Amino acid sequence: MFHIVLIEPEIPHNAGAAGRLALATDSTLHLIEPLGFSLEDKYVRRTGLDYWQDVKLRVWPSFDELLATAEVGARFWFLSTKASRSSWQADFQPGDYLVFGRETRGLPEPLIAAAGERALRIPMAPGGTRSLNLATAIAIVLYEAARQQAPDW
């Protein structure tokens, strides 16, 4: 249904959780190297449990290589705490790419700036936390995108 893109993820259990979310929504998980862990890591497998082998997984040496192979007209949404537009304002469509950055640094500023209206943030109460766990952020945005499609699950 969608594409979950993790650029240089660092924490194995977040990748495992993203794999479960991908499987639960019939989405594809794209991991952009370098990874901060091995895909053989027991934490990736533990979080993904016995589902990991069923995840539609693609590993890319760079984000540019993913971009070069994406379908013409593919829509990429870039999630960042630095974006001004809320993810509630996005009109998601099947096949969209939801792009998330590293756990410790997020997405590079130039990527966010170039995204324009496709740069999104998750709404949070003022004065609260500065960010959410990566797997939590993926779940929030992915299920909002799925909700907009009204799947008959």
C-alpha atoms as a PDB file:
ATOM      1  CA  MET A   1       0.000   0.000   0.000  1.00  0.00           C
ATOM      2  CA  PHE A   2       2.787   2.441   1.030  1.00  0.00           C
ATOM      3  CA  HIS A   3       6.560   2.601   1.201  1.00  0.00           C
ATOM      4  CA  ILE A   4       8.320   3.162   4.520  1.00  0.00           C
ATOM      5  CA  VAL A   5      11.817   4.575   4.004  1.00  0.00           C
ATOM      6  CA  LEU A   6      14.362   4.678   6.819  1.00  0.00           C
ATOM      7  CA  ILE A   7      17.469   6.666   5.974  1.00  0.00           C
ATOM      8  CA  GLU A   8      20.485   5.292   7.846  1.00  0.00           C
ATOM      9  CA  PRO A   9      18.554   3.777  10.781  1.00  0.00           C
ATOM     10  CA  GLU A  10      20.673   3.218  13.873  1.00  0.00           C
ATOM     11  CA  ILE A  11      18.576   1.141  16.282  1.00  0.00           C
ATOM     12  CA  PRO A  12      17.730  -2.450  15.314  1.00  0.00           C
ATOM     13  CA  HIS A  13      14.448  -2.757  17.206  1.00  0.00           C
ATOM     14  CA  ASN A  14      13.070   0.297  15.336  1.00  0.00           C
ATOM     15  CA  ALA A  15      13.799  -1.418  12.015  1.00  0.00           C
ATOM     16  CA  GLY A  16      12.159  -4.596  13.315  1.00  0.00           C
ATOM     17  CA  ALA A  17       9.085  -2.656  14.436  1.00  0.00           C
ATOM     18  CA  ALA A  18       8.968  -0.881  11.056  1.00  0.00           C
ATOM     19  CA  GLY A  19       9.036  -4.305   9.403  1.00  0.00           C
ATOM     20  CA  ARG A  20       6.017  -5.421  11.417  1.00  0.00           C
ATOM     21  CA  LEU A  21       4.188  -2.209  10.529  1.00  0.00           C
ATOM     22  CA  ALA A  22       5.007  -2.744   6.852  1.00  0.00           C
ATOM     23  CA  LEU A  23       3.666  -6.270   6.975  1.00  0.00           C
ATOM     24  CA  ALA A  24       0.520  -5.194   8.855  1.00  0.00           C
ATOM     25  CA  THR A  25      -0.296  -2.579   6.196  1.00  0.00           C
ATOM     26  CA  ASP A  26       0.911  -4.434   3.073  1.00  0.00           C
ATOM     27  CA  SER A  27       3.659  -1.841   2.700  1.00  0.00           C
ATOM     28  CA  THR A  28       7.298  -2.134   1.645  1.00  0.00           C
ATOM     29  CA  LEU A  29      10.155  -1.293   3.996  1.00  0.00           C
ATOM     30  CA  HIS A  30      13.157   0.418   2.405  1.00  0.00           C
ATOM     31  CA  LEU A  31      16.366   0.694   4.425  1.00  0.00           C
ATOM     32  CA  ILE A  32      19.010   3.144   3.216  1.00  0.00           C
ATOM     33  CA  GLU A  33      22.602   2.275   4.091  1.00  0.00           C
ATOM     34  CA  PRO A  34      24.689   2.575   6.085  1.00  0.00           C
ATOM     35  CA  LEU A  35      22.704   0.750   8.726  1.00  0.00           C
ATOM     36  CA  GLY A  36      23.727   1.045  12.357  1.00  0.00           C
ATOM     37  CA  PHE A  37      23.232  -2.708  12.792  1.00  0.00           C
ATOM     38  CA  SER A  38      23.233  -5.974  10.895  1.00  0.00           C
ATOM     39  CA  LEU A  39      19.970  -7.331   9.529  1.00  0.00           C
ATOM     40  CA  GLU A  40      21.028 -10.565  11.192  1.00  0.00           C
ATOM     41  CA  ASP A  41      20.954  -8.760  14.542  1.00  0.00           C
ATOM     42  CA  LYS A  42      18.902 -10.661  17.107  1.00  0.00           C
ATOM     43  CA  TYR A  43      17.088  -7.445  18.101  1.00  0.00           C
ATOM     44  CA  VAL A  44      15.805  -6.869  14.558  1.00  0.00           C
ATOM     45  CA  ARG A  45      14.560 -10.431  14.438  1.00  0.00           C
ATOM     46  CA  ARG A  46      13.143 -10.357  17.976  1.00  0.00           C
ATOM     47  CA  THR A  47      11.117  -7.222  17.285  1.00  0.00           C
ATOM     48  CA  GLY A  48       9.980  -8.570  13.919  1.00  0.00           C
ATOM     49  CA  LEU A  49       9.378 -11.940  15.569  1.00  0.00           C
ATOM     50  CA  ASP A  50       8.581 -14.720  13.146  1.00  0.00           C
ATOM     51  CA  TYR A  51       7.248 -12.224  10.567  1.00  0.00           C
ATOM     52  CA  TRP A  52      10.592 -10.842   9.412  1.00  0.00           C
ATOM     53  CA  GLN A  53      10.958 -13.287   6.502  1.00  0.00           C
ATOM     54  CA  ASP A  54       7.565 -12.125   5.152  1.00  0.00           C
ATOM     55  CA  VAL A  55       8.389  -8.399   5.155  1.00  0.00           C
ATOM     56  CA  LYS A  56       8.737  -6.788   1.730  1.00  0.00           C
ATOM     57  CA  LEU A  57      12.226  -5.441   2.367  1.00  0.00           C
ATOM     58  CA  ARG A  58      14.569  -3.518   0.082  1.00  0.00           C
ATOM     59  CA  VAL A  59      18.022  -2.361   1.142  1.00  0.00           C
ATOM     60  CA  TRP A  60      19.606   0.478  -0.821  1.00  0.00           C
ATOM     61  CA  PRO A  61      23.201   1.750  -0.824  1.00  0.00           C
ATOM     62  CA  SER A  62      21.903   5.342  -1.048  1.00  0.00           C
ATOM     63  CA  PHE A  63      18.707   7.371  -1.089  1.00  0.00           C
ATOM     64  CA  ASP A  64      19.597   8.558  -4.608  1.00  0.00           C
ATOM     65  CA  GLU A  65      19.488   4.955  -5.842  1.00  0.00           C
ATOM     66  CA  LEU A  66      15.997   4.508  -4.409  1.00  0.00           C
ATOM     67  CA  LEU A  67      14.905   7.765  -6.055  1.00  0.00           C
ATOM     68  CA  ALA A  68      16.324   6.618  -9.404  1.00  0.00           C
ATOM     69  CA  THR A  69      14.246   3.424  -9.358  1.00  0.00           C
ATOM     70  CA  ALA A  70      10.978   4.899  -8.044  1.00  0.00           C
ATOM     71  CA  GLU A  71       8.083   5.068 -10.481  1.00  0.00           C
ATOM     72  CA  VAL A  72       7.640   8.260 -12.462  1.00  0.00           C
ATOM     73  CA  GLY A  73       5.415  10.572 -10.438  1.00  0.00           C
ATOM     74  CA  ALA A  74       6.074   8.771  -7.144  1.00  0.00           C
ATOM     75  CA  ARG A  75       5.290  11.008  -4.183  1.00  0.00           C
ATOM     76  CA  PHE A  76       7.741  11.285  -1.313  1.00  0.00           C
ATOM     77  CA  TRP A  77       6.763  12.720   2.081  1.00  0.00           C
ATOM     78  CA  PHE A  78       9.581  13.723   4.428  1.00  0.00           C
ATOM     79  CA  LEU A  79       8.871  13.519   8.169  1.00  0.00           C
ATOM     80  CA  SER A  80      10.721  15.881  10.479  1.00  0.00           C
ATOM     81  CA  THR A  81      10.202  17.793  13.691  1.00  0.00           C
ATOM     82  CA  LYS A  82      11.585  20.770  11.748  1.00  0.00           C
ATOM     83  CA  ALA A  83       8.759  20.785   9.177  1.00  0.00           C
ATOM     84  CA  SER A  84       6.011  23.366   9.541  1.00  0.00           C
ATOM     85  CA  ARG A  85       3.160  21.434   7.902  1.00  0.00           C
ATOM     86  CA  SER A  86       1.240  18.853   9.938  1.00  0.00           C
ATOM     87  CA  SER A  87       0.903  15.267   8.780  1.00  0.00           C
ATOM     88  CA  TRP A  88      -2.866  15.719   9.331  1.00  0.00           C
ATOM     89  CA  GLN A  89      -2.851  18.140   6.372  1.00  0.00           C
ATOM     90  CA  ALA A  90      -1.382  15.628   3.924  1.00  0.00           C
ATOM     91  CA  ASP A  91      -3.494  13.920   1.293  1.00  0.00           C
ATOM     92  CA  PHE A  92      -1.829  10.514   1.158  1.00  0.00           C
ATOM     93  CA  GLN A  93      -2.285   8.164  -1.777  1.00  0.00           C
ATOM     94  CA  PRO A  94      -1.445   4.470  -2.191  1.00  0.00           C
ATOM     95  CA  GLY A  95       2.140   4.029  -3.288  1.00  0.00           C
ATOM     96  CA  ASP A  96       3.398   7.125  -1.440  1.00  0.00           C
ATOM     97  CA  TYR A  97       6.838   6.989   0.168  1.00  0.00           C
ATOM     98  CA  LEU A  98       7.032   8.008   3.834  1.00  0.00           C
ATOM     99  CA  VAL A  99      10.639   9.010   4.532  1.00  0.00           C
ATOM    100  CA  PHE A 100      12.124   9.072   8.037  1.00  0.00           C
ATOM    101  CA  GLY A 101      15.637  10.010   9.164  1.00  0.00           C
ATOM    102  CA  ARG A 102      18.112   8.669  11.673  1.00  0.00           C
ATOM    103  CA  GLU A 103      17.020   8.330  15.263  1.00  0.00           C
ATOM    104  CA  THR A 104      19.689  10.728  16.560  1.00  0.00           C
ATOM    105  CA  ARG A 105      19.665  13.380  13.831  1.00  0.00           C
ATOM    106  CA  GLY A 106      16.538  13.032  11.731  1.00  0.00           C
ATOM    107  CA  LEU A 107      16.614  13.974   8.064  1.00  0.00           C
ATOM    108  CA  PRO A 108      19.285  16.291   6.654  1.00  0.00           C
ATOM    109  CA  GLU A 109      18.156  19.959   6.587  1.00  0.00           C
ATOM    110  CA  PRO A 110      18.669  20.324   2.788  1.00  0.00           C
ATOM    111  CA  LEU A 111      16.328  17.383   2.173  1.00  0.00           C
ATOM    112  CA  ILE A 112      13.642  18.941   4.365  1.00  0.00           C
ATOM    113  CA  ALA A 113      14.036  22.355   2.714  1.00  0.00           C
ATOM    114  CA  ALA A 114      13.846  20.845  -0.779  1.00  0.00           C
ATOM    115  CA  ALA A 115      10.685  18.906   0.156  1.00  0.00           C
ATOM    116  CA  GLY A 116       8.581  22.067   0.476  1.00  0.00           C
ATOM    117  CA  GLU A 117       4.925  21.074   1.042  1.00  0.00           C
ATOM    118  CA  ARG A 118       5.994  17.427   1.273  1.00  0.00           C
ATOM    119  CA  ALA A 119       7.859  18.061   4.537  1.00  0.00           C
ATOM    120  CA  LEU A 120       5.599  17.045   7.414  1.00  0.00           C
ATOM    121  CA  ARG A 121       5.710  16.977  11.194  1.00  0.00           C
ATOM    122  CA  ILE A 122       3.654  15.002  13.675  1.00  0.00           C
ATOM    123  CA  PRO A 123       1.574  17.376  15.808  1.00  0.00           C
ATOM    124  CA  MET A 124       2.637  17.480  19.467  1.00  0.00           C
ATOM    125  CA  ALA A 125       1.567  19.622  22.395  1.00  0.00           C
ATOM    126  CA  PRO A 126       3.770  22.697  22.948  1.00  0.00           C
ATOM    127  CA  GLY A 127       6.324  22.286  25.708  1.00  0.00           C
ATOM    128  CA  GLY A 128       6.166  18.500  25.596  1.00  0.00           C
ATOM    129  CA  THR A 129       8.758  16.203  24.140  1.00  0.00           C
ATOM    130  CA  ARG A 130      10.927  17.374  21.236  1.00  0.00           C
ATOM    131  CA  SER A 131      10.488  14.129  19.284  1.00  0.00           C
ATOM    132  CA  LEU A 132       8.936  10.669  19.277  1.00  0.00           C
ATOM    133  CA  ASN A 133      10.495   7.234  18.992  1.00  0.00           C
ATOM    134  CA  LEU A 134      11.060   6.385  15.327  1.00  0.00           C
ATOM    135  CA  ALA A 135       8.812   3.310  15.342  1.00  0.00           C
ATOM    136  CA  THR A 136       6.051   5.317  17.037  1.00  0.00           C
ATOM    137  CA  ALA A 137       6.368   8.102  14.458  1.00  0.00           C
ATOM    138  CA  ILE A 138       6.186   5.594  11.606  1.00  0.00           C
ATOM    139  CA  ALA A 139       3.046   4.022  13.079  1.00  0.00           C
ATOM    140  CA  ILE A 140       1.291   7.383  13.495  1.00  0.00           C
ATOM    141  CA  VAL A 141       1.910   8.556   9.936  1.00  0.00           C
ATOM    142  CA  LEU A 142       1.504   5.157   8.267  1.00  0.00           C
ATOM    143  CA  TYR A 143      -1.867   4.497   9.886  1.00  0.00           C
ATOM    144  CA  GLU A 144      -3.101   8.009   9.091  1.00  0.00           C
ATOM    145  CA  ALA A 145      -2.170   7.347   5.464  1.00  0.00           C
ATOM    146  CA  ALA A 146      -3.933   3.959   5.593  1.00  0.00           C
ATOM    147  CA  ARG A 147      -6.979   5.484   7.316  1.00  0.00           C
ATOM    148  CA  GLN A 148      -7.350   7.929   4.434  1.00  0.00           C
ATOM    149  CA  GLN A 149      -7.608   4.964   2.057  1.00  0.00           C
ATOM    150  CA  ALA A 150     -10.370   3.367   4.167  1.00  0.00           C
ATOM    151  CA  PRO A 151      -9.171  -0.204   3.695  1.00  0.00           C
ATOM    152  CA  ASP A 152     -11.703  -2.907   4.426  1.00  0.00           C
ATOM    153  CA  TRP A 153      -9.474  -4.901   6.745  1.00  0.00           C
END
